[in-house]
N, C-alpha and C. Protein backbone atom coordinates (compact mmCIF):
# COMPACT_ATOMS: atom_id res chain seq x y z
N MET A 1 -40.01 -51.33 23.69
CA MET A 1 -40.61 -50.53 24.82
C MET A 1 -40.10 -49.14 24.72
N THR A 2 -41.01 -48.21 24.74
CA THR A 2 -40.71 -46.83 24.89
C THR A 2 -40.53 -46.17 26.23
N ALA A 3 -39.34 -45.46 26.57
CA ALA A 3 -39.13 -44.97 27.77
C ALA A 3 -39.55 -43.53 27.82
N LEU A 4 -40.42 -43.19 29.10
CA LEU A 4 -40.81 -41.96 29.27
C LEU A 4 -40.18 -41.53 30.56
N THR A 5 -39.52 -40.39 30.60
CA THR A 5 -38.96 -39.90 31.85
C THR A 5 -39.68 -38.38 32.02
N LEU A 6 -40.39 -38.34 33.25
CA LEU A 6 -40.87 -37.01 33.74
C LEU A 6 -39.99 -36.45 34.79
N TYR A 7 -39.56 -35.12 34.43
CA TYR A 7 -38.80 -34.46 35.49
C TYR A 7 -39.55 -33.55 36.08
N SER A 8 -39.87 -33.48 37.36
CA SER A 8 -40.88 -32.79 38.17
C SER A 8 -40.22 -32.47 39.70
N ARG A 9 -41.15 -31.95 40.35
CA ARG A 9 -40.62 -31.64 41.73
C ARG A 9 -41.95 -31.65 42.58
N PRO A 10 -42.06 -32.05 43.94
CA PRO A 10 -43.07 -32.12 44.78
C PRO A 10 -43.65 -30.57 44.99
N GLY A 11 -45.12 -30.59 44.95
CA GLY A 11 -45.75 -29.33 45.20
C GLY A 11 -45.86 -28.49 43.97
N CYS A 12 -45.69 -29.12 42.80
CA CYS A 12 -45.88 -28.40 41.40
C CYS A 12 -47.05 -29.14 40.82
N HIS A 13 -48.19 -28.11 40.73
CA HIS A 13 -49.40 -28.55 40.12
C HIS A 13 -49.44 -28.91 38.78
N LEU A 14 -48.56 -28.28 37.99
CA LEU A 14 -48.44 -28.68 36.67
C LEU A 14 -47.76 -30.04 36.44
N CYS A 15 -46.80 -30.29 37.52
CA CYS A 15 -46.15 -31.69 37.50
C CYS A 15 -47.28 -32.68 37.77
N ASP A 16 -48.04 -32.48 38.85
CA ASP A 16 -49.19 -33.36 39.14
C ASP A 16 -50.07 -33.72 37.91
N GLU A 17 -50.42 -32.67 37.20
CA GLU A 17 -51.21 -32.71 35.97
C GLU A 17 -50.57 -33.75 35.02
N MET A 18 -49.41 -33.39 34.56
CA MET A 18 -48.66 -34.15 33.63
C MET A 18 -48.56 -35.57 34.15
N LYS A 19 -48.18 -35.90 35.48
CA LYS A 19 -48.05 -37.28 36.01
C LYS A 19 -49.23 -38.00 35.91
N ALA A 20 -50.37 -37.32 36.11
CA ALA A 20 -51.54 -38.19 36.03
C ALA A 20 -51.95 -38.47 34.42
N ILE A 21 -51.60 -37.63 33.52
CA ILE A 21 -51.66 -38.00 32.22
C ILE A 21 -50.86 -39.11 31.65
N VAL A 22 -49.63 -39.00 32.01
CA VAL A 22 -48.67 -40.08 31.73
C VAL A 22 -49.02 -41.37 32.45
N GLU A 23 -49.58 -41.40 33.63
CA GLU A 23 -49.96 -42.64 34.26
C GLU A 23 -51.11 -43.34 33.74
N ARG A 24 -52.10 -42.34 33.16
CA ARG A 24 -53.41 -42.88 32.54
C ARG A 24 -53.05 -43.64 31.15
N VAL A 25 -52.13 -42.68 30.39
CA VAL A 25 -51.69 -43.50 29.06
C VAL A 25 -51.00 -44.73 29.34
N ALA A 26 -49.96 -44.70 30.32
CA ALA A 26 -49.29 -46.00 30.64
C ALA A 26 -50.38 -47.19 31.03
N ARG A 27 -51.11 -46.88 31.82
CA ARG A 27 -52.06 -47.93 32.12
C ARG A 27 -52.90 -48.43 30.89
N ALA A 28 -53.29 -47.62 30.01
CA ALA A 28 -53.99 -47.98 28.65
C ALA A 28 -52.84 -48.69 27.77
N MET A 29 -51.60 -48.78 27.91
CA MET A 29 -50.54 -49.37 27.09
C MET A 29 -49.74 -50.38 27.93
N PRO A 30 -50.38 -51.17 28.72
CA PRO A 30 -49.48 -52.18 29.49
C PRO A 30 -48.43 -52.81 28.62
N GLY A 31 -47.19 -52.82 29.19
CA GLY A 31 -46.06 -53.47 28.72
C GLY A 31 -45.53 -52.79 27.58
N ARG A 32 -45.95 -51.71 27.33
CA ARG A 32 -45.31 -50.95 25.93
C ARG A 32 -44.36 -49.64 26.51
N LEU A 33 -44.59 -49.19 27.78
CA LEU A 33 -44.09 -48.03 28.20
C LEU A 33 -43.24 -48.40 29.56
N HIS A 34 -42.16 -47.85 29.65
CA HIS A 34 -41.45 -47.75 30.80
C HIS A 34 -41.42 -46.20 31.26
N VAL A 35 -42.01 -46.02 32.44
CA VAL A 35 -42.16 -44.74 32.90
C VAL A 35 -41.10 -44.50 34.27
N GLU A 36 -40.35 -43.40 34.14
CA GLU A 36 -39.49 -43.04 35.10
C GLU A 36 -39.94 -41.67 35.75
N GLN A 37 -39.93 -41.46 36.90
CA GLN A 37 -40.28 -40.17 37.58
C GLN A 37 -38.93 -39.66 38.21
N VAL A 38 -38.63 -38.34 37.96
CA VAL A 38 -37.24 -37.86 38.54
C VAL A 38 -37.67 -36.56 39.14
N ASP A 39 -37.27 -36.45 40.49
CA ASP A 39 -37.54 -35.14 41.41
C ASP A 39 -36.37 -34.48 41.19
N VAL A 40 -36.41 -33.34 40.35
CA VAL A 40 -35.27 -32.35 40.23
C VAL A 40 -34.59 -31.75 41.37
N SER A 41 -35.67 -31.67 42.42
CA SER A 41 -35.12 -30.90 43.66
C SER A 41 -34.02 -31.73 44.41
N ARG A 42 -33.87 -32.96 44.06
CA ARG A 42 -32.73 -33.73 44.62
C ARG A 42 -31.50 -33.81 44.10
N ASP A 43 -31.46 -33.15 42.93
CA ASP A 43 -30.19 -33.10 42.29
C ASP A 43 -29.86 -31.69 41.76
N PRO A 44 -28.74 -31.08 42.04
CA PRO A 44 -28.39 -29.71 41.77
C PRO A 44 -28.41 -29.64 40.26
N GLU A 45 -27.74 -30.32 39.70
CA GLU A 45 -27.50 -30.42 38.11
C GLU A 45 -28.82 -30.50 37.32
N LEU A 46 -29.85 -31.54 37.78
CA LEU A 46 -31.14 -31.52 37.09
C LEU A 46 -31.89 -30.26 37.42
N GLU A 47 -31.78 -29.76 38.74
CA GLU A 47 -32.41 -28.39 39.16
C GLU A 47 -32.17 -27.27 38.24
N ARG A 48 -30.73 -27.32 37.95
CA ARG A 48 -30.22 -26.26 37.05
C ARG A 48 -30.73 -26.48 35.68
N ARG A 49 -30.74 -27.63 35.08
CA ARG A 49 -31.06 -28.11 33.84
C ARG A 49 -32.51 -27.74 33.57
N TYR A 50 -33.38 -28.33 34.49
CA TYR A 50 -34.90 -28.38 34.16
C TYR A 50 -35.71 -27.43 35.19
N GLY A 51 -34.97 -26.86 36.09
CA GLY A 51 -35.86 -26.43 37.28
C GLY A 51 -36.82 -25.31 36.56
N LEU A 52 -36.65 -24.38 35.73
CA LEU A 52 -37.50 -23.28 35.28
C LEU A 52 -38.53 -23.88 34.34
N GLU A 53 -38.41 -24.96 33.70
CA GLU A 53 -39.23 -25.72 32.71
C GLU A 53 -40.11 -26.77 33.18
N ILE A 54 -40.18 -27.09 34.36
CA ILE A 54 -40.80 -28.45 34.73
C ILE A 54 -42.34 -28.09 34.74
N PRO A 55 -43.05 -29.12 34.58
CA PRO A 55 -42.63 -30.51 34.14
C PRO A 55 -42.09 -30.59 32.81
N VAL A 56 -41.00 -31.49 32.62
CA VAL A 56 -40.44 -31.74 31.46
C VAL A 56 -40.71 -33.24 31.21
N LEU A 57 -41.16 -33.68 29.86
CA LEU A 57 -41.19 -35.11 29.57
C LEU A 57 -40.44 -35.50 28.51
N LEU A 58 -39.47 -36.57 28.76
CA LEU A 58 -38.61 -37.06 27.55
C LEU A 58 -39.26 -38.38 27.07
N MET A 59 -39.22 -38.59 25.91
CA MET A 59 -39.43 -39.74 25.23
C MET A 59 -38.17 -40.53 24.58
N ASP A 60 -37.78 -41.54 25.17
CA ASP A 60 -36.53 -42.04 24.71
C ASP A 60 -35.30 -41.20 24.72
N GLY A 61 -35.37 -40.29 25.65
CA GLY A 61 -34.35 -39.34 25.95
C GLY A 61 -34.25 -37.90 25.24
N LYS A 62 -35.40 -37.88 24.57
CA LYS A 62 -35.61 -36.56 23.70
C LYS A 62 -36.84 -35.91 24.45
N LYS A 63 -36.65 -34.76 24.62
CA LYS A 63 -37.67 -33.74 25.15
C LYS A 63 -38.79 -33.50 24.14
N VAL A 64 -40.05 -33.96 24.67
CA VAL A 64 -41.19 -33.91 23.86
C VAL A 64 -42.26 -32.99 24.28
N ALA A 65 -42.17 -32.62 25.61
CA ALA A 65 -43.00 -31.70 26.22
C ALA A 65 -42.57 -30.94 27.64
N LYS A 66 -42.95 -29.71 27.79
CA LYS A 66 -42.72 -29.19 28.88
C LYS A 66 -43.87 -28.21 29.31
N TYR A 67 -44.17 -28.21 30.73
CA TYR A 67 -45.34 -27.48 31.21
C TYR A 67 -46.63 -28.38 31.13
N ARG A 68 -47.04 -28.47 29.88
CA ARG A 68 -48.32 -29.28 29.79
C ARG A 68 -48.17 -30.25 28.61
N VAL A 69 -49.05 -31.32 28.59
CA VAL A 69 -49.15 -32.02 27.55
C VAL A 69 -50.68 -32.71 27.60
N SER A 70 -51.42 -32.94 26.56
CA SER A 70 -52.54 -33.47 26.73
C SER A 70 -52.59 -34.94 26.44
N GLU A 71 -53.46 -35.59 26.87
CA GLU A 71 -53.40 -37.12 26.71
C GLU A 71 -53.47 -37.52 25.37
N ASP A 72 -54.21 -36.53 24.39
CA ASP A 72 -54.41 -36.99 23.08
C ASP A 72 -53.02 -36.69 22.34
N ASP A 73 -52.32 -35.60 22.70
CA ASP A 73 -51.13 -35.44 22.13
C ASP A 73 -49.97 -36.36 22.54
N LEU A 74 -49.97 -36.89 23.74
CA LEU A 74 -48.98 -37.92 24.20
C LEU A 74 -49.35 -39.13 23.40
N ARG A 75 -50.61 -39.62 23.33
CA ARG A 75 -50.96 -40.71 22.46
C ARG A 75 -50.47 -40.57 21.11
N ARG A 76 -50.64 -39.33 20.55
CA ARG A 76 -50.29 -39.21 19.17
C ARG A 76 -48.59 -39.34 18.97
N MET A 77 -47.88 -38.69 19.99
CA MET A 77 -46.49 -38.87 19.91
C MET A 77 -46.02 -40.36 20.05
N LEU A 78 -46.63 -41.01 20.90
CA LEU A 78 -46.16 -42.47 21.01
C LEU A 78 -46.59 -43.40 19.90
N ARG A 79 -47.50 -42.92 19.20
CA ARG A 79 -47.98 -43.61 17.79
C ARG A 79 -46.99 -43.20 16.57
N ALA A 80 -46.44 -41.96 16.70
CA ALA A 80 -45.77 -41.45 15.51
C ALA A 80 -44.35 -42.38 15.30
N PRO A 81 -44.01 -42.53 14.08
CA PRO A 81 -42.82 -43.30 13.81
C PRO A 81 -41.59 -42.56 14.37
N ARG A 82 -40.68 -43.20 14.93
CA ARG A 82 -39.20 -42.81 15.52
C ARG A 82 -38.22 -43.27 14.72
N THR A 83 -37.30 -42.38 14.34
CA THR A 83 -36.16 -42.76 13.54
C THR A 83 -35.22 -43.29 14.62
N GLU A 84 -34.43 -44.43 14.26
CA GLU A 84 -33.32 -44.85 14.94
C GLU A 84 -32.12 -44.08 14.68
N THR A 85 -31.49 -43.85 15.84
CA THR A 85 -30.11 -43.11 15.73
C THR A 85 -29.03 -44.06 15.95
N ALA A 86 -27.95 -43.94 15.22
CA ALA A 86 -26.76 -44.73 15.37
C ALA A 86 -26.00 -44.45 16.58
């Protein structure tokens, strides 16, 4: 199962757009994705780390997109082979 983490904050239109794309892709791939949404405004460290870049999308802990991602690009990233790290 692939883990997607979306760092965002309320009132951010780019965050809402990316959230909708991630949700559409996740619905099309039932049981293959675990999606977590994190509000950076609730954590000072996350706000410091991601606040100027939101939305930020991580796949299995690695940053794969910020600001915008298209549905096609996200699907392509999910299909791409990933190397295992030790």
